[in-house]
Amino acid sequence: MKVILDQDIVRNVVLNGGIEVGPKPKDVGLERLRFDGKRLVDLATLQEIWVKQISPEVFELHAVPVEGAQLVAMTYRKRRRLTADPDGTIRLKTPEEMDAEMRRDVELLAKNEYRRRLREWDDLEDRIERLYQLVFMVINYIETGDQSVKSALDALLPDIRDAYPLEEYKDRLTADVKAMKAALETYHQEIASITSRG
């Protein structure tokens, strides 16, 4: 079989020209074939593969050393686990990193679905208006102790607790409040400084 090579990568099979590389392994696509200078190699048969990073998420696999490539202990099936550390070291993601990445992907999908449903529910102004209504109900009950308002809040609270479980939001809200406090302190200091200069 004659082919066009890009380093050891088989790009095309040709009838004329090209390089003779011997018979093609049965049931193997070109994307897995590499030419080591003597014969065609199926990347799926290797336990170590030369890997070159093309972009942050794109890696090129080789059967022989090429410029910029690093030898990685891996199989072809694990190629989607490839990553590069800040120092440029190419390696396979650990199971823990894969789990964390999967959780982030699931959370992103869930967040996007939540936002989609909110858009279908109604517009932003309506949602803000309902939040104002809820805040007013709480203030009204605190000030008056109106039992009818308490009954309405009692009916709402179970769903609110389910929607916003405290254990998931406590740390985030604490961090947000601390950041807001620091920002407001800086703001007030700057306003006081400007006022004093005036």
C-alpha atoms as a PDB file:
ATOM      1  CA  MET A   1       0.000   0.000   0.000  1.00  0.00           C
ATOM      2  CA  LYS A   2       1.272   3.468  -0.933  1.00  0.00           C
ATOM      3  CA  VAL A   3       0.463   6.431   1.263  1.00  0.00           C
ATOM      4  CA  ILE A   4       1.147  10.094   1.892  1.00  0.00           C
ATOM      5  CA  LEU A   5       2.819  10.558   5.269  1.00  0.00           C
ATOM      6  CA  ASP A   6       2.930  13.486   7.672  1.00  0.00           C
ATOM      7  CA  GLN A   7       5.826  12.443   9.871  1.00  0.00           C
ATOM      8  CA  ASP A   8       4.612   8.942  10.822  1.00  0.00           C
ATOM      9  CA  ILE A   9       0.897   9.737  10.359  1.00  0.00           C
ATOM     10  CA  VAL A  10      -0.871   8.196   7.361  1.00  0.00           C
ATOM     11  CA  ARG A  11      -2.811  11.026   5.703  1.00  0.00           C
ATOM     12  CA  ASN A  12      -3.949   9.443   2.444  1.00  0.00           C
ATOM     13  CA  VAL A  13      -3.743   6.229   0.431  1.00  0.00           C
ATOM     14  CA  VAL A  14      -2.561   6.831  -3.149  1.00  0.00           C
ATOM     15  CA  LEU A  15      -2.054   4.812  -6.317  1.00  0.00           C
ATOM     16  CA  ASN A  16       0.878   6.810  -7.657  1.00  0.00           C
ATOM     17  CA  GLY A  17       3.703   8.431  -5.765  1.00  0.00           C
ATOM     18  CA  GLY A  18       3.757   8.312  -2.004  1.00  0.00           C
ATOM     19  CA  ILE A  19       5.667   5.803   0.088  1.00  0.00           C
ATOM     20  CA  GLU A  20       5.252   2.045   0.131  1.00  0.00           C
ATOM     21  CA  VAL A  21       4.403   0.985   3.689  1.00  0.00           C
ATOM     22  CA  GLY A  22       3.339  -2.614   3.238  1.00  0.00           C
ATOM     23  CA  PRO A  23      -0.083  -4.192   3.729  1.00  0.00           C
ATOM     24  CA  LYS A  24      -2.751  -2.425   5.756  1.00  0.00           C
ATOM     25  CA  PRO A  25      -3.820  -4.249   8.936  1.00  0.00           C
ATOM     26  CA  LYS A  26      -7.302  -5.683   8.629  1.00  0.00           C
ATOM     27  CA  ASP A  27     -10.214  -3.710  10.127  1.00  0.00           C
ATOM     28  CA  VAL A  28      -8.044  -0.740  11.178  1.00  0.00           C
ATOM     29  CA  GLY A  29      -8.876   2.811  10.104  1.00  0.00           C
ATOM     30  CA  LEU A  30      -6.216   5.235   8.906  1.00  0.00           C
ATOM     31  CA  GLU A  31      -6.623   7.371  12.056  1.00  0.00           C
ATOM     32  CA  ARG A  32      -4.984   4.585  14.086  1.00  0.00           C
ATOM     33  CA  LEU A  33      -2.168   3.780  11.646  1.00  0.00           C
ATOM     34  CA  ARG A  34       1.402   5.041  11.987  1.00  0.00           C
ATOM     35  CA  PHE A  35       4.513   4.146   9.983  1.00  0.00           C
ATOM     36  CA  ASP A  36       7.575   3.440  12.113  1.00  0.00           C
ATOM     37  CA  GLY A  37       9.966   3.393   9.147  1.00  0.00           C
ATOM     38  CA  LYS A  38       9.636  -0.329   8.586  1.00  0.00           C
ATOM     39  CA  ARG A  39       5.982  -1.232   8.875  1.00  0.00           C
ATOM     40  CA  LEU A  40       2.535   0.089   9.676  1.00  0.00           C
ATOM     41  CA  VAL A  41       1.754   0.180  13.388  1.00  0.00           C
ATOM     42  CA  ASP A  42      -1.719   0.127  14.924  1.00  0.00           C
ATOM     43  CA  LEU A  43      -1.710   2.562  17.852  1.00  0.00           C
ATOM     44  CA  ALA A  44      -4.232   0.317  19.619  1.00  0.00           C
ATOM     45  CA  THR A  45      -1.506  -2.331  20.034  1.00  0.00           C
ATOM     46  CA  LEU A  46       0.906  -0.050  21.903  1.00  0.00           C
ATOM     47  CA  GLN A  47       1.374   0.383  25.652  1.00  0.00           C
ATOM     48  CA  GLU A  48       3.435   3.570  25.228  1.00  0.00           C
ATOM     49  CA  ILE A  49       2.642   6.337  22.749  1.00  0.00           C
ATOM     50  CA  TRP A  50       4.518   9.463  21.755  1.00  0.00           C
ATOM     51  CA  VAL A  51       2.198  12.423  22.351  1.00  0.00           C
ATOM     52  CA  LYS A  52       2.509  15.983  21.048  1.00  0.00           C
ATOM     53  CA  GLN A  53       0.298  18.794  22.321  1.00  0.00           C
ATOM     54  CA  ILE A  54      -1.180  20.806  19.441  1.00  0.00           C
ATOM     55  CA  SER A  55      -3.451  23.085  21.502  1.00  0.00           C
ATOM     56  CA  PRO A  56      -4.718  23.061  25.118  1.00  0.00           C
ATOM     57  CA  GLU A  57      -7.235  20.272  24.438  1.00  0.00           C
ATOM     58  CA  VAL A  58      -5.775  18.673  21.289  1.00  0.00           C
ATOM     59  CA  PHE A  59      -3.046  16.039  21.263  1.00  0.00           C
ATOM     60  CA  GLU A  60      -1.373  14.216  18.369  1.00  0.00           C
ATOM     61  CA  LEU A  61      -0.378  10.574  18.752  1.00  0.00           C
ATOM     62  CA  HIS A  62       2.745   9.025  17.248  1.00  0.00           C
ATOM     63  CA  ALA A  63       4.414   5.626  17.183  1.00  0.00           C
ATOM     64  CA  VAL A  64       7.920   7.133  16.902  1.00  0.00           C
ATOM     65  CA  PRO A  65       9.639  10.143  18.474  1.00  0.00           C
ATOM     66  CA  VAL A  66       8.834  13.453  16.760  1.00  0.00           C
ATOM     67  CA  GLU A  67       9.797  16.983  17.681  1.00  0.00           C
ATOM     68  CA  GLY A  68       7.873  18.219  20.712  1.00  0.00           C
ATOM     69  CA  ALA A  69       6.419  14.815  21.596  1.00  0.00           C
ATOM     70  CA  GLN A  70       6.662  13.084  24.971  1.00  0.00           C
ATOM     71  CA  LEU A  71       6.495   9.352  25.625  1.00  0.00           C
ATOM     72  CA  VAL A  72       3.413   8.548  27.715  1.00  0.00           C
ATOM     73  CA  ALA A  73       2.560   5.177  29.257  1.00  0.00           C
ATOM     74  CA  MET A  74      -0.957   4.746  27.893  1.00  0.00           C
ATOM     75  CA  THR A  75      -3.164   2.816  25.520  1.00  0.00           C
ATOM     76  CA  TYR A  76      -5.034   4.243  22.559  1.00  0.00           C
ATOM     77  CA  ARG A  77      -8.356   3.785  24.381  1.00  0.00           C
ATOM     78  CA  LYS A  78      -7.210   6.191  27.103  1.00  0.00           C
ATOM     79  CA  ARG A  79      -6.386   9.041  24.698  1.00  0.00           C
ATOM     80  CA  ARG A  80      -9.349  11.134  25.893  1.00  0.00           C
ATOM     81  CA  ARG A  81      -7.747  11.277  29.348  1.00  0.00           C
ATOM     82  CA  LEU A  82      -4.722  13.190  28.056  1.00  0.00           C
ATOM     83  CA  THR A  83      -3.889  16.487  29.705  1.00  0.00           C
ATOM     84  CA  ALA A  84      -0.883  18.760  30.117  1.00  0.00           C
ATOM     85  CA  ASP A  85       0.359  20.255  33.379  1.00  0.00           C
ATOM     86  CA  PRO A  86       1.395  23.934  33.579  1.00  0.00           C
ATOM     87  CA  ASP A  87       5.050  22.879  33.240  1.00  0.00           C
ATOM     88  CA  GLY A  88       4.226  21.183  29.915  1.00  0.00           C
ATOM     89  CA  THR A  89       4.294  17.596  31.168  1.00  0.00           C
ATOM     90  CA  ILE A  90       1.826  15.464  29.195  1.00  0.00           C
ATOM     91  CA  ARG A  91       0.080  12.740  31.185  1.00  0.00           C
ATOM     92  CA  LEU A  92      -3.224  10.944  31.712  1.00  0.00           C
ATOM     93  CA  LYS A  93      -5.794  12.507  33.998  1.00  0.00           C
ATOM     94  CA  THR A  94      -6.218  10.629  37.268  1.00  0.00           C
ATOM     95  CA  PRO A  95      -9.558   8.927  38.056  1.00  0.00           C
ATOM     96  CA  GLU A  96     -10.190  11.683  40.617  1.00  0.00           C
ATOM     97  CA  GLU A  97      -9.636  14.373  37.974  1.00  0.00           C
ATOM     98  CA  MET A  98     -11.952  12.547  35.573  1.00  0.00           C
ATOM     99  CA  ASP A  99     -14.658  12.327  38.264  1.00  0.00           C
ATOM    100  CA  ALA A 100     -14.313  16.036  39.069  1.00  0.00           C
ATOM    101  CA  GLU A 101     -14.481  16.913  35.380  1.00  0.00           C
ATOM    102  CA  MET A 102     -17.579  14.771  34.925  1.00  0.00           C
ATOM    103  CA  ARG A 103     -19.243  16.451  37.918  1.00  0.00           C
ATOM    104  CA  ARG A 104     -18.466  19.886  36.462  1.00  0.00           C
ATOM    105  CA  ASP A 105     -19.961  18.848  33.140  1.00  0.00           C
ATOM    106  CA  VAL A 106     -23.101  17.506  34.846  1.00  0.00           C
ATOM    107  CA  GLU A 107     -23.434  20.668  36.941  1.00  0.00           C
ATOM    108  CA  LEU A 108     -23.024  22.834  33.834  1.00  0.00           C
ATOM    109  CA  LEU A 109     -25.691  20.863  31.986  1.00  0.00           C
ATOM    110  CA  ALA A 110     -28.032  21.149  34.967  1.00  0.00           C
ATOM    111  CA  LYS A 111     -27.382  24.887  35.260  1.00  0.00           C
ATOM    112  CA  ASN A 112     -28.023  25.416  31.551  1.00  0.00           C
ATOM    113  CA  GLU A 113     -31.256  23.420  31.793  1.00  0.00           C
ATOM    114  CA  TYR A 114     -32.312  25.483  34.822  1.00  0.00           C
ATOM    115  CA  ARG A 115     -31.650  28.712  32.953  1.00  0.00           C
ATOM    116  CA  ARG A 116     -33.539  27.427  29.912  1.00  0.00           C
ATOM    117  CA  ARG A 117     -36.568  26.615  32.054  1.00  0.00           C
ATOM    118  CA  LEU A 118     -36.422  30.030  33.685  1.00  0.00           C
ATOM    119  CA  ARG A 119     -36.454  31.668  30.268  1.00  0.00           C
ATOM    120  CA  GLU A 120     -39.493  29.620  29.291  1.00  0.00           C
ATOM    121  CA  TRP A 121     -41.237  30.320  32.607  1.00  0.00           C
ATOM    122  CA  ASP A 122     -41.550  34.086  32.257  1.00  0.00           C
ATOM    123  CA  ASP A 123     -39.417  37.195  31.934  1.00  0.00           C
ATOM    124  CA  LEU A 124     -36.927  38.586  34.445  1.00  0.00           C
ATOM    125  CA  GLU A 125     -39.146  41.458  35.568  1.00  0.00           C
ATOM    126  CA  ASP A 126     -41.893  39.034  36.640  1.00  0.00           C
ATOM    127  CA  ARG A 127     -39.447  36.926  38.647  1.00  0.00           C
ATOM    128  CA  ILE A 128     -38.028  40.000  40.389  1.00  0.00           C
ATOM    129  CA  GLU A 129     -41.566  41.161  41.190  1.00  0.00           C
ATOM    130  CA  ARG A 130     -42.337  37.807  42.854  1.00  0.00           C
ATOM    131  CA  LEU A 131     -39.129  38.002  44.886  1.00  0.00           C
ATOM    132  CA  TYR A 132     -40.211  41.428  46.111  1.00  0.00           C
ATOM    133  CA  GLN A 133     -43.575  39.939  47.078  1.00  0.00           C
ATOM    134  CA  LEU A 134     -41.872  37.185  49.086  1.00  0.00           C
ATOM    135  CA  VAL A 135     -39.594  39.677  50.864  1.00  0.00           C
ATOM    136  CA  PHE A 136     -42.633  41.850  51.667  1.00  0.00           C
ATOM    137  CA  MET A 137     -44.454  38.833  53.147  1.00  0.00           C
ATOM    138  CA  VAL A 138     -41.506  38.120  55.453  1.00  0.00           C
ATOM    139  CA  ILE A 139     -41.241  41.767  56.550  1.00  0.00           C
ATOM    140  CA  ASN A 140     -45.010  41.949  57.058  1.00  0.00           C
ATOM    141  CA  TYR A 141     -44.983  38.878  59.314  1.00  0.00           C
ATOM    142  CA  ILE A 142     -41.998  40.145  61.331  1.00  0.00           C
ATOM    143  CA  GLU A 143     -43.697  43.486  61.935  1.00  0.00           C
ATOM    144  CA  THR A 144     -47.309  42.356  62.486  1.00  0.00           C
ATOM    145  CA  GLY A 145     -47.213  38.669  63.392  1.00  0.00           C
ATOM    146  CA  ASP A 146     -50.139  38.204  61.007  1.00  0.00           C
ATOM    147  CA  GLN A 147     -51.051  34.495  61.195  1.00  0.00           C
ATOM    148  CA  SER A 148     -52.463  34.443  57.667  1.00  0.00           C
ATOM    149  CA  VAL A 149     -49.054  35.562  56.378  1.00  0.00           C
ATOM    150  CA  LYS A 150     -47.388  32.900  58.567  1.00  0.00           C
ATOM    151  CA  SER A 151     -49.637  30.232  57.049  1.00  0.00           C
ATOM    152  CA  ALA A 152     -48.649  31.334  53.552  1.00  0.00           C
ATOM    153  CA  LEU A 153     -44.943  31.289  54.470  1.00  0.00           C
ATOM    154  CA  ASP A 154     -45.306  27.874  56.119  1.00  0.00           C
ATOM    155  CA  ALA A 155     -46.736  26.551  52.852  1.00  0.00           C
ATOM    156  CA  LEU A 156     -43.848  28.038  50.830  1.00  0.00           C
ATOM    157  CA  LEU A 157     -40.918  27.117  53.071  1.00  0.00           C
ATOM    158  CA  PRO A 158     -40.717  23.357  52.331  1.00  0.00           C
ATOM    159  CA  ASP A 159     -40.323  23.998  48.602  1.00  0.00           C
ATOM    160  CA  ILE A 160     -37.863  26.828  49.238  1.00  0.00           C
ATOM    161  CA  ARG A 161     -35.772  24.544  51.483  1.00  0.00           C
ATOM    162  CA  ASP A 162     -35.804  21.827  48.812  1.00  0.00           C
ATOM    163  CA  ALA A 163     -34.831  24.288  46.093  1.00  0.00           C
ATOM    164  CA  TYR A 164     -32.047  25.901  48.142  1.00  0.00           C
ATOM    165  CA  PRO A 165     -30.645  23.321  50.590  1.00  0.00           C
ATOM    166  CA  LEU A 166     -28.648  25.147  53.256  1.00  0.00           C
ATOM    167  CA  GLU A 167     -25.754  22.673  53.258  1.00  0.00           C
ATOM    168  CA  GLU A 168     -25.073  23.401  49.582  1.00  0.00           C
ATOM    169  CA  TYR A 169     -25.312  27.185  49.757  1.00  0.00           C
ATOM    170  CA  LYS A 170     -23.994  28.032  53.246  1.00  0.00           C
ATOM    171  CA  ASP A 171     -20.290  28.164  52.357  1.00  0.00           C
ATOM    172  CA  ARG A 172     -20.931  29.981  49.080  1.00  0.00           C
ATOM    173  CA  LEU A 173     -23.171  32.589  50.726  1.00  0.00           C
ATOM    174  CA  THR A 174     -20.669  33.078  53.562  1.00  0.00           C
ATOM    175  CA  ALA A 175     -17.883  33.716  51.053  1.00  0.00           C
ATOM    176  CA  ASP A 176     -20.106  36.059  49.034  1.00  0.00           C
ATOM    177  CA  VAL A 177     -21.066  38.072  52.110  1.00  0.00           C
ATOM    178  CA  LYS A 178     -17.420  38.396  53.193  1.00  0.00           C
ATOM    179  CA  ALA A 179     -16.438  39.544  49.700  1.00  0.00           C
ATOM    180  CA  MET A 180     -19.319  42.047  49.640  1.00  0.00           C
ATOM    181  CA  LYS A 181     -18.325  43.337  53.093  1.00  0.00           C
ATOM    182  CA  ALA A 182     -14.722  43.884  51.954  1.00  0.00           C
ATOM    183  CA  ALA A 183     -15.856  45.621  48.778  1.00  0.00           C
ATOM    184  CA  LEU A 184     -18.250  47.909  50.690  1.00  0.00           C
ATOM    185  CA  GLU A 185     -15.573  48.796  53.252  1.00  0.00           C
ATOM    186  CA  THR A 186     -13.245  49.826  50.427  1.00  0.00           C
ATOM    187  CA  TYR A 187     -16.068  51.769  48.778  1.00  0.00           C
ATOM    188  CA  HIS A 188     -16.947  53.666  51.946  1.00  0.00           C
ATOM    189  CA  GLN A 189     -13.283  54.417  52.649  1.00  0.00           C
ATOM    190  CA  GLU A 190     -12.860  55.898  49.189  1.00  0.00           C
ATOM    191  CA  ILE A 191     -16.049  57.952  49.537  1.00  0.00           C
ATOM    192  CA  ALA A 192     -14.883  59.231  52.931  1.00  0.00           C
ATOM    193  CA  SER A 193     -11.490  60.113  51.451  1.00  0.00           C
ATOM    194  CA  ILE A 194     -13.076  62.028  48.574  1.00  0.00           C
ATOM    195  CA  THR A 195     -15.448  63.820  50.957  1.00  0.00           C
ATOM    196  CA  SER A 196     -12.652  64.829  53.308  1.00  0.00           C
ATOM    197  CA  ARG A 197     -10.617  66.279  50.419  1.00  0.00           C
ATOM    198  CA  GLY A 198     -13.618  68.294  49.341  1.00  0.00           C
END
